[in-house]
Every structure is written in C-alpha cells, then in structure tokens.
C-alpha atoms as a PDB file:
ATOM      1  CA  UNK A   1      18.381-238.880  57.447  1.00  0.00           C
ATOM      2  CA  UNK A   2      19.763-235.257  56.690  1.00  0.00           C
ATOM      3  CA  UNK A   3      20.265-234.435  52.796  1.00  0.00           C
ATOM      4  CA  UNK A   4      24.277-234.892  54.178  1.00  0.00           C
ATOM      5  CA  UNK A   5      23.703-238.641  54.682  1.00  0.00           C
ATOM      6  CA  UNK A   6      21.593-239.216  51.245  1.00  0.00           C
ATOM      7  CA  UNK A   7      23.789-236.552  49.055  1.00  0.00           C
ATOM      8  CA  UNK A   8      27.259-239.023  50.571  1.00  0.00           C
ATOM      9  CA  UNK A   9      24.967-242.459  49.641  1.00  0.00           C
ATOM     10  CA  UNK A  10      24.250-241.041  46.369  1.00  0.00           C
ATOM     11  CA  UNK A  11      27.769-240.681  45.731  1.00  0.00           C
ATOM     12  CA  UNK A  12      28.876-243.473  46.988  1.00  0.00           C
ATOM     13  CA  UNK A  13      26.799-245.022  44.139  1.00  0.00           C
ATOM     14  CA  UNK A  14      27.912-242.809  41.788  1.00  0.00           C
ATOM     15  CA  UNK A  15      31.238-243.539  42.281  1.00  0.00           C
ATOM     16  CA  UNK A  16      31.677-246.993  41.326  1.00  0.00           C
ATOM     17  CA  UNK A  17      30.836-246.438  37.624  1.00  0.00           C
ATOM     18  CA  UNK A  18      33.727-244.752  35.387  1.00  0.00           C
ATOM     19  CA  UNK A  19      31.143-242.855  33.646  1.00  0.00           C
ATOM     20  CA  UNK A  20      30.478-240.884  37.445  1.00  0.00           C
ATOM     21  CA  UNK A  21      27.844-237.548  37.086  1.00  0.00           C
ATOM     22  CA  UNK A  22      26.146-236.932  34.203  1.00  0.00           C
ATOM     23  CA  UNK A  23      26.612-233.449  33.035  1.00  0.00           C
ATOM     24  CA  UNK A  24      24.051-230.999  34.538  1.00  0.00           C
ATOM     25  CA  UNK A  25      21.732-230.659  31.184  1.00  0.00           C
ATOM     26  CA  UNK A  26      21.816-234.624  31.357  1.00  0.00           C
ATOM     27  CA  UNK A  27      20.897-234.508  34.983  1.00  0.00           C
ATOM     28  CA  UNK A  28      17.971-231.526  34.015  1.00  0.00           C
ATOM     29  CA  UNK A  29      16.516-233.963  31.439  1.00  0.00           C
ATOM     30  CA  UNK A  30      16.181-236.795  33.881  1.00  0.00           C
ATOM     31  CA  UNK A  31      15.069-234.844  36.582  1.00  0.00           C
ATOM     32  CA  UNK A  32      12.263-232.985  33.757  1.00  0.00           C
ATOM     33  CA  UNK A  33      11.514-236.958  32.804  1.00  0.00           C
ATOM     34  CA  UNK A  34      10.869-237.990  37.006  1.00  0.00           C
ATOM     35  CA  UNK A  35       8.599-235.232  37.418  1.00  0.00           C
ATOM     36  CA  UNK A  36       6.767-235.590  34.555  1.00  0.00           C
ATOM     37  CA  UNK A  37       5.950-239.365  35.787  1.00  0.00           C
ATOM     38  CA  UNK A  38       5.424-237.738  38.839  1.00  0.00           C
ATOM     39  CA  UNK A  39       2.503-235.454  37.372  1.00  0.00           C
ATOM     40  CA  UNK A  40       1.051-237.813  35.563  1.00  0.00           C
ATOM     41  CA  UNK A  41       0.275-240.382  38.621  1.00  0.00           C
ATOM     42  CA  UNK A  42      -0.904-237.212  40.352  1.00  0.00           C
ATOM     43  CA  UNK A  43      -3.164-236.332  37.456  1.00  0.00           C
ATOM     44  CA  UNK A  44      -4.154-240.084  37.267  1.00  0.00           C
ATOM     45  CA  UNK A  45      -5.852-240.618  40.392  1.00  0.00           C
ATOM     46  CA  UNK A  46      -6.555-236.426  41.093  1.00  0.00           C
ATOM     47  CA  UNK A  47      -7.563-234.862  37.824  1.00  0.00           C
ATOM     48  CA  UNK A  48      -9.704-235.536  34.997  1.00  0.00           C
ATOM     49  CA  UNK A  49      -7.388-237.822  33.101  1.00  0.00           C
ATOM     50  CA  UNK A  50      -8.846-241.478  33.305  1.00  0.00           C
ATOM     51  CA  UNK A  51      -6.786-244.113  33.234  1.00  0.00           C
ATOM     52  CA  UNK A  52      -6.086-246.782  30.448  1.00  0.00           C
ATOM     53  CA  UNK A  53      -6.137-249.505  32.685  1.00  0.00           C
ATOM     54  CA  UNK A  54      -6.772-249.550  36.891  1.00  0.00           C
ATOM     55  CA  UNK A  55      -3.330-251.823  36.817  1.00  0.00           C
ATOM     56  CA  UNK A  56      -1.629-248.899  34.929  1.00  0.00           C
ATOM     57  CA  UNK A  57      -0.502-247.334  39.317  1.00  0.00           C
ATOM     58  CA  UNK A  58       2.627-246.292  39.621  1.00  0.00           C
ATOM     59  CA  UNK A  59       3.781-245.535  43.287  1.00  0.00           C
ATOM     60  CA  UNK A  60       4.179-241.983  44.314  1.00  0.00           C
ATOM     61  CA  UNK A  61       6.783-241.969  46.514  1.00  0.00           C
ATOM     62  CA  UNK A  62       8.928-243.984  44.601  1.00  0.00           C
ATOM     63  CA  UNK A  63       8.537-241.251  41.855  1.00  0.00           C
ATOM     64  CA  UNK A  64       9.183-238.562  44.189  1.00  0.00           C
ATOM     65  CA  UNK A  65      12.149-240.192  45.300  1.00  0.00           C
ATOM     66  CA  UNK A  66      13.572-240.358  41.816  1.00  0.00           C
ATOM     67  CA  UNK A  67      12.994-236.999  41.348  1.00  0.00           C
ATOM     68  CA  UNK A  68      14.716-236.193  44.583  1.00  0.00           C
ATOM     69  CA  UNK A  69      17.752-238.775  43.145  1.00  0.00           C
ATOM     70  CA  UNK A  70      18.505-236.537  40.520  1.00  0.00           C
ATOM     71  CA  UNK A  71      18.361-233.459  42.552  1.00  0.00           C
ATOM     72  CA  UNK A  72      21.017-234.815  44.601  1.00  0.00           C
ATOM     73  CA  UNK A  73      22.915-235.754  41.926  1.00  0.00           C
ATOM     74  CA  UNK A  74      23.006-232.330  40.225  1.00  0.00           C
ATOM     75  CA  UNK A  75      23.457-230.565  43.736  1.00  0.00           C
ATOM     76  CA  UNK A  76      26.860-233.511  44.158  1.00  0.00           C
ATOM     77  CA  UNK A  77      27.932-232.396  40.647  1.00  0.00           C
ATOM     78  CA  UNK A  78      28.077-228.949  41.527  1.00  0.00           C
ATOM     79  CA  UNK A  79      28.906-229.862  44.996  1.00  0.00           C
ATOM     80  CA  UNK A  80      26.179-228.444  46.800  1.00  0.00           C
ATOM     81  CA  UNK A  81      25.503-229.068  50.230  1.00  0.00           C
ATOM     82  CA  UNK A  82      22.253-229.115  50.626  1.00  0.00           C
ATOM     83  CA  UNK A  83      21.902-229.060  54.607  1.00  0.00           C
ATOM     84  CA  UNK A  84      23.218-225.762  54.542  1.00  0.00           C
ATOM     85  CA  UNK A  85      20.509-224.729  51.593  1.00  0.00           C
ATOM     86  CA  UNK A  86      17.837-226.311  53.181  1.00  0.00           C
ATOM     87  CA  UNK A  87      18.511-224.838  56.208  1.00  0.00           C
ATOM     88  CA  UNK A  88      18.635-221.038  54.680  1.00  0.00           C
ATOM     89  CA  UNK A  89      15.137-222.175  52.826  1.00  0.00           C
ATOM     90  CA  UNK A  90      13.941-222.408  56.308  1.00  0.00           C
ATOM     91  CA  UNK A  91      15.499-219.529  57.411  1.00  0.00           C
ATOM     92  CA  UNK A  92      13.460-217.734  54.809  1.00  0.00           C
ATOM     93  CA  UNK A  93      10.512-219.037  55.217  1.00  0.00           C
ATOM     94  CA  UNK A  94      10.324-218.464  59.209  1.00  0.00           C
ATOM     95  CA  UNK A  95      11.649-214.861  58.687  1.00  0.00           C
ATOM     96  CA  UNK A  96      10.922-213.170  55.206  1.00  0.00           C
ATOM     97  CA  UNK A  97       7.048-215.157  55.028  1.00  0.00           C
ATOM     98  CA  UNK A  98       6.313-215.261  58.941  1.00  0.00           C
ATOM     99  CA  UNK A  99       3.487-213.088  58.311  1.00  0.00           C
ATOM    100  CA  UNK A 100       2.637-213.937  54.575  1.00  0.00           C
ATOM    101  CA  UNK A 101      -0.416-216.313  55.383  1.00  0.00           C
ATOM    102  CA  UNK A 102      -2.817-216.418  57.857  1.00  0.00           C
ATOM    103  CA  UNK A 103      -1.730-218.597  60.826  1.00  0.00           C
ATOM    104  CA  UNK A 104      -4.000-221.279  62.947  1.00  0.00           C
ATOM    105  CA  UNK A 105      -5.585-220.329  66.289  1.00  0.00           C
END
C-alpha cells in the first residue's frame, strides 16, 4: 500500500463525520501525544526507566501507526500528496546523501 491509499482510507473515515479534520494545531497536538506514548514505551523497553508494572506494556507498532494516522490527517487537511513527498525524500537520500556515510562492503 502506498501513501495515497492510506490517505484515501483516512479521508474515507474522517469524511463520515460532520466535524471533518481538526485544525492543524490540534492535529500537531495529537501527533505529539502519540509520539510521547511511543517514546514512553521505547524508554520502558530500552532505556533506564523501570516500569511500574510488567503489564503496563504498549504495542510499539500500534503507537507508530497512531502517529502515522495523525500525520496523514495533517497531510490530508493541507492537501499534501505524501507519495510525491516520499519520492522527493528518497531522491534526496539517494542523491544528496549518497556519500554521507561509509557504505557496507
């Protein structure tokens, strides 16, 4: 699935409600909350933080997709085609940054 399909899926879901997309600042706030939840779980598993309870575990994949959903909402509300943006990003990686790091042999 490309971004365009994901963007359509999100738009289909949002479009069924009168409220539509939240304003951009509200979406950014939601994104920050989701990234915070992801960071908490990563810190619980890989950092020095000790969990209060072993059952207090979030699914990292779910936390990542929560953040992606918020980003897609932001893109959709601003009429941004993420497939086009992704291609530009990869072009930058493969061209501008091609000699930035030592490559594997």
